[in-house]
Each structure stands twice: as structure tokens, then as C-alpha cells.
Amino acid sequence: MEWYYILIICVIVFLLLIFFIVTWYMSYITPYDTGKISESISVIKNGIVNCYVYSKGSERIIIDTGMSAKVVNKELIKLKINPKSIGHVFLTHNDADHTGGLSIFDHAKLYIGEESKVKNPDNYQFLEDNETVVIGEIQVKTISTPGHRLGHSAFLVDNEFLFTGDAIRLKKDMVQPFLRLLSSDYRKQLESIRKISKLKSISIMFTAHNGFTTNFEKAIENWKD
């Protein structure tokens, strides 16, 4: 067989492999469309990921910032939210699909888990496990959930709204680990899910890539001791 036929076959096989990998991966990713979840919570869709705006009183915070500043800015305008009204940014971790919109919040205070590796660390407040930040009437408690990434954190807002980032994913409204291939320490990731399962009085649990559930106890029941 001529060498160029072999090359063509190799290219076709490679493209098919990429297609199947992308199809498999996208089956795990089901972000919600941009919209209002409640009077206090809005969701933004930015490609494969969601970020969330929480408002209470005169304060607004955002949990993660999506993949693209341009898209996040456009979606905020769609929601009639001025980016400048968001004074505090909580990052579950430092992956690019969670920090891509940071540039439109250059006026805001930035928070991230204490073991996270970031550029310009002086720009961040590093949060310890169980540390609570009070912003006006809003209370944000940090829950250290390493595994997907070192320093990964979930945030419990006002003792009832849990934002888990990539600590977990939801499939058919049930909690599962995030992709093992994309986790820096899968054992710790499983430990973090069990830690989350011990939380009480969660009214809504939000993920970064698979939307949210209003039935936390049912979704997490298989992870309880």
C-alpha cells in the first residue's frame, strides 16, 4: 500500500477518535441556559460552563466567571445586571473555564481557596476551610473540596445555597464524581463528595457543568455513610 493511503487512513482514524471523545465528553456536560432561577439567583451560560450571580440587599456576588469575558458581559446585559454592580467574585478553582471572565470584574474583590495557585496572588483573598465572608446581608462559607484541583472550594451562601463548581456533577439529578481524567486527585475528590453529603438544610445545589437540583438529600443519598 502506498504511504499516502496509510496517511489518509491514519488521519481518518484520528478524526473519528477525536469525534467520539468529544461526543463522549459532551454527554457529561449539560449547562443551563442563561436566566433567572429566583429573585436572588441568576445563572449564566458560557459555552460548556455555568456561573451564578447572587443578589441580596444592595450587594451582588458572582460564583466563577465563565470562559469568556465577552460572553459573560453580554449575558449579564441580557439579565439587566450591570457588571460593575458585582463587587465580589468567588472562584471555585483556577481553571480557564471558571476564570475566563475575570477581566470585566477588575473592580471587584477576588476570593479563592487557600491552596490555589494563581497569577498575581496579591490580588486575591485566600479562604480557609469553613471560613465565612460577610458582604452586607450575604454570608458566604467556604467548604474546601480538593480533588478536581488543589485548592478547589465549594461555597455555601446564606446557609442554604450550595455552589459546588467541579467538585461534583449531576446525572439524572443524582450526584456523581466529575470526570476522573480531569481530576488531579480522584481519591480526594471522592472524599470531598462525602464531605458535601454531610451538609444540612441545602435548598438548592448548583454545579458548574450540569445545572442544579432542588432535592439535595435525594441527589446525595448514595454518598452518605
Protein backbone atom coordinates (compact mmCIF):
# COMPACT_ATOMS: atom_id res chain seq x y z
CA MET A 1 0.00 0.00 0.00
CA GLU A 2 1.28 3.46 -0.92
CA TRP A 3 2.39 5.60 2.03
CA TYR A 4 -0.15 8.33 1.33
CA TYR A 5 -3.02 5.84 1.60
CA ILE A 6 -1.72 4.86 5.03
CA LEU A 7 -1.50 8.54 5.96
CA ILE A 8 -5.08 9.16 4.84
CA ILE A 9 -6.34 6.17 6.84
CA CYS A 10 -4.42 7.36 9.92
CA VAL A 11 -5.91 10.86 9.60
CA ILE A 12 -9.44 9.46 9.24
CA VAL A 13 -8.98 7.20 12.28
CA PHE A 14 -7.59 10.13 14.28
CA LEU A 15 -10.53 12.39 13.34
CA LEU A 16 -13.02 9.67 14.23
CA LEU A 17 -11.31 9.18 17.57
CA ILE A 18 -11.50 12.91 18.28
CA PHE A 19 -15.17 12.91 17.27
CA PHE A 20 -16.03 10.06 19.64
CA ILE A 21 -14.04 11.62 22.50
CA VAL A 22 -15.78 14.98 22.05
CA THR A 23 -19.20 13.27 21.79
CA TRP A 24 -18.48 11.26 24.95
CA TYR A 25 -17.27 14.34 26.81
CA MET A 26 -20.23 16.48 25.78
CA SER A 27 -22.60 13.82 27.10
CA TYR A 28 -21.24 14.71 30.55
CA ILE A 29 -21.73 18.45 30.08
CA THR A 30 -25.27 19.87 30.39
CA PRO A 31 -25.11 23.53 31.49
CA TYR A 32 -28.32 25.51 31.96
CA ASP A 33 -29.27 28.38 29.68
CA THR A 34 -28.88 31.93 30.96
CA GLY A 35 -31.85 33.01 33.04
CA LYS A 36 -33.27 33.85 36.42
CA ILE A 37 -33.59 30.96 38.89
CA SER A 38 -35.14 33.02 41.68
CA GLU A 39 -35.36 36.63 42.75
CA SER A 40 -31.87 36.39 44.21
CA ILE A 41 -30.08 33.95 41.87
CA SER A 42 -29.33 34.14 38.14
CA VAL A 43 -27.45 31.62 36.01
CA ILE A 44 -25.16 32.49 33.09
CA LYS A 45 -24.30 30.02 30.36
CA ASN A 46 -20.88 30.49 28.81
CA GLY A 47 -20.14 27.62 26.45
CA ILE A 48 -19.81 24.42 28.49
CA VAL A 49 -19.99 26.09 31.89
CA ASN A 50 -22.34 27.98 34.19
CA CYS A 51 -21.56 30.77 36.61
CA TYR A 52 -24.02 32.28 39.06
CA VAL A 53 -24.94 35.75 40.30
CA TYR A 54 -26.39 36.11 43.80
CA SER A 55 -28.07 39.33 44.89
CA LYS A 56 -29.29 40.42 48.30
CA GLY A 57 -29.96 43.90 49.59
CA SER A 58 -27.54 46.28 47.89
CA GLU A 59 -24.86 43.63 47.25
CA ARG A 60 -24.14 41.27 44.38
CA ILE A 61 -21.60 38.47 44.13
CA ILE A 62 -20.70 36.06 41.34
CA ILE A 63 -19.52 32.48 41.71
CA ASP A 64 -17.00 31.76 38.93
CA THR A 65 -16.74 33.87 35.78
CA GLY A 66 -17.10 31.50 32.84
CA MET A 67 -14.89 31.03 29.80
CA SER A 68 -15.15 34.40 28.05
CA ALA A 69 -15.41 37.94 29.38
CA LYS A 70 -17.24 38.99 26.19
CA VAL A 71 -19.91 36.31 26.59
CA VAL A 72 -20.37 36.88 30.33
CA ASN A 73 -20.73 40.63 29.76
CA LYS A 74 -23.35 40.02 27.04
CA GLU A 75 -25.30 37.58 29.22
CA LEU A 76 -25.23 39.96 32.19
CA ILE A 77 -26.69 42.68 29.98
CA LYS A 78 -29.38 40.22 28.87
CA LEU A 79 -30.21 39.72 32.57
CA LYS A 80 -30.18 43.51 33.09
CA ILE A 81 -27.28 43.21 35.52
CA ASN A 82 -24.53 45.81 35.40
CA PRO A 83 -21.15 44.05 35.79
CA LYS A 84 -19.99 46.99 37.90
CA SER A 85 -22.71 46.17 40.44
CA ILE A 86 -20.93 42.88 41.21
CA GLY A 87 -18.37 43.73 43.87
CA HIS A 88 -17.15 40.27 44.90
CA VAL A 89 -16.00 37.28 42.83
CA PHE A 90 -15.76 33.80 44.39
CA LEU A 91 -13.77 31.28 42.34
CA THR A 92 -14.26 27.59 43.00
CA HIS A 93 -10.87 26.99 41.33
CA ASN A 94 -8.47 28.42 38.80
CA ASP A 95 -9.29 26.53 35.57
CA ALA A 96 -9.68 28.73 32.50
CA ASP A 97 -13.38 27.91 32.05
CA HIS A 98 -14.02 29.38 35.50
CA THR A 99 -11.74 32.43 35.34
CA GLY A 100 -12.13 33.50 31.70
CA GLY A 101 -14.44 36.39 32.54
CA LEU A 102 -12.32 37.93 35.29
CA SER A 103 -11.31 40.96 33.26
CA ILE A 104 -14.78 42.52 33.45
CA PHE A 105 -14.62 42.39 37.24
CA ASP A 106 -11.34 44.26 37.66
CA HIS A 107 -13.11 46.49 40.19
CA ALA A 108 -14.19 43.55 42.37
CA LYS A 109 -12.63 41.75 45.30
CA LEU A 110 -11.47 38.21 44.42
CA TYR A 111 -11.70 35.12 46.64
CA ILE A 112 -10.31 31.61 46.11
CA GLY A 113 -9.37 28.54 48.17
CA GLU A 114 -6.19 28.86 50.20
CA GLU A 115 -4.10 26.23 48.34
CA SER A 116 -4.91 27.52 44.87
CA LYS A 117 -2.10 28.52 42.53
CA VAL A 118 -2.86 31.83 40.81
CA LYS A 119 -1.06 34.58 38.97
CA ASN A 120 -0.81 37.84 40.94
CA PRO A 121 -1.72 36.27 44.31
CA ASP A 122 -1.72 39.70 45.95
CA ASN A 123 -4.99 40.37 44.11
CA TYR A 124 -6.77 37.56 45.95
CA GLN A 125 -8.09 36.82 49.39
CA PHE A 126 -7.31 33.16 50.08
CA LEU A 127 -10.03 31.41 52.06
CA GLU A 128 -9.59 28.61 54.57
CA ASP A 129 -11.98 25.71 55.04
CA ASN A 130 -15.11 26.83 56.97
CA GLU A 131 -14.12 30.48 56.69
CA THR A 132 -17.12 32.82 56.33
CA VAL A 133 -17.10 36.09 54.40
CA VAL A 134 -19.85 38.60 55.21
CA ILE A 135 -20.81 41.02 52.45
CA GLY A 136 -23.67 43.25 53.54
CA GLU A 137 -26.52 40.81 54.24
CA ILE A 138 -24.81 37.96 52.37
CA GLN A 139 -22.84 35.23 54.14
CA VAL A 140 -20.51 33.01 52.10
CA LYS A 141 -18.97 29.99 53.81
CA THR A 142 -16.01 28.27 52.18
CA ILE A 143 -16.00 24.47 52.03
CA SER A 144 -12.66 23.04 50.98
CA THR A 145 -13.33 20.35 48.33
CA PRO A 146 -9.98 19.35 46.78
CA GLY A 147 -9.66 16.58 44.25
CA HIS A 148 -10.59 18.04 40.91
CA ARG A 149 -7.96 20.66 41.65
CA LEU A 150 -5.79 21.52 44.63
CA GLY A 151 -7.48 24.38 46.44
CA HIS A 152 -10.89 23.68 44.91
CA SER A 153 -13.67 25.07 47.11
CA ALA A 154 -17.45 24.98 47.22
CA PHE A 155 -19.36 27.94 48.59
CA LEU A 156 -22.39 27.80 50.88
CA VAL A 157 -24.33 31.05 50.59
CA ASP A 158 -26.70 32.12 53.37
CA ASN A 159 -26.63 28.56 54.76
CA GLU A 160 -28.89 27.16 52.01
CA PHE A 161 -27.47 27.69 48.52
CA LEU A 162 -24.52 25.44 47.70
CA PHE A 163 -22.26 26.16 44.71
CA THR A 164 -20.03 23.16 44.05
CA GLY A 165 -18.01 24.11 40.96
CA ASP A 166 -16.37 20.94 39.61
CA ALA A 167 -16.45 19.03 42.89
CA ILE A 168 -19.38 17.03 41.52
CA ARG A 169 -21.61 16.57 38.53
CA LEU A 170 -25.29 15.68 38.30
CA LYS A 171 -26.62 12.89 36.12
CA LYS A 172 -30.37 12.29 36.21
CA ASP A 173 -30.43 14.51 39.32
CA MET A 174 -28.02 12.21 41.17
CA VAL A 175 -24.53 13.18 42.35
CA GLN A 176 -21.56 11.62 40.58
CA PRO A 177 -17.86 12.49 40.62
CA PHE A 178 -16.56 14.85 37.98
CA LEU A 179 -14.50 13.29 35.20
CA ARG A 180 -11.69 11.18 36.61
CA LEU A 181 -9.36 12.03 33.71
CA LEU A 182 -9.70 15.72 34.60
CA SER A 183 -9.11 15.31 38.33
CA SER A 184 -5.74 15.94 39.95
CA ASP A 185 -6.52 13.57 42.85
CA TYR A 186 -9.55 11.34 42.36
CA ARG A 187 -9.41 9.86 45.88
CA LYS A 188 -9.63 13.33 47.40
CA GLN A 189 -12.46 14.16 45.05
CA LEU A 190 -14.49 11.23 46.41
CA GLU A 191 -13.68 12.35 49.97
CA SER A 192 -14.92 15.84 49.11
CA ILE A 193 -18.24 14.47 47.87
CA ARG A 194 -18.69 12.57 51.13
CA LYS A 195 -17.89 15.77 52.98
CA ILE A 196 -20.57 17.62 50.99
CA SER A 197 -23.06 14.84 51.80
CA LYS A 198 -22.89 15.78 55.48
CA LEU A 199 -24.27 19.28 54.88
CA LYS A 200 -27.76 20.06 56.14
CA SER A 201 -30.64 22.29 55.04
CA ILE A 202 -29.46 22.81 51.45
CA SER A 203 -32.36 24.16 49.41
CA ILE A 204 -30.56 24.28 46.03
CA MET A 205 -27.26 22.76 44.95
CA PHE A 206 -25.58 24.25 41.87
CA THR A 207 -22.90 22.67 39.71
CA ALA A 208 -20.67 24.29 37.12
CA HIS A 209 -21.45 21.97 34.21
CA ASN A 210 -24.70 20.11 34.98
CA GLY A 211 -27.13 22.70 36.26
CA PHE A 212 -28.71 22.42 39.70
CA THR A 213 -31.05 20.39 41.87
CA THR A 214 -33.66 21.43 44.40
CA ASN A 215 -33.58 17.98 46.03
CA PHE A 216 -30.16 17.86 47.64
CA GLU A 217 -30.96 14.99 50.02
CA LYS A 218 -32.14 12.72 47.22
CA ALA A 219 -29.25 13.68 44.90
CA ILE A 220 -26.56 12.98 47.52
CA GLU A 221 -28.13 9.98 49.29
CA ASN A 222 -25.76 7.38 47.78
CA TRP A 223 -22.77 9.21 49.29
CA LYS A 224 -23.89 9.27 52.88
CA ASP A 225 -22.09 6.99 55.37
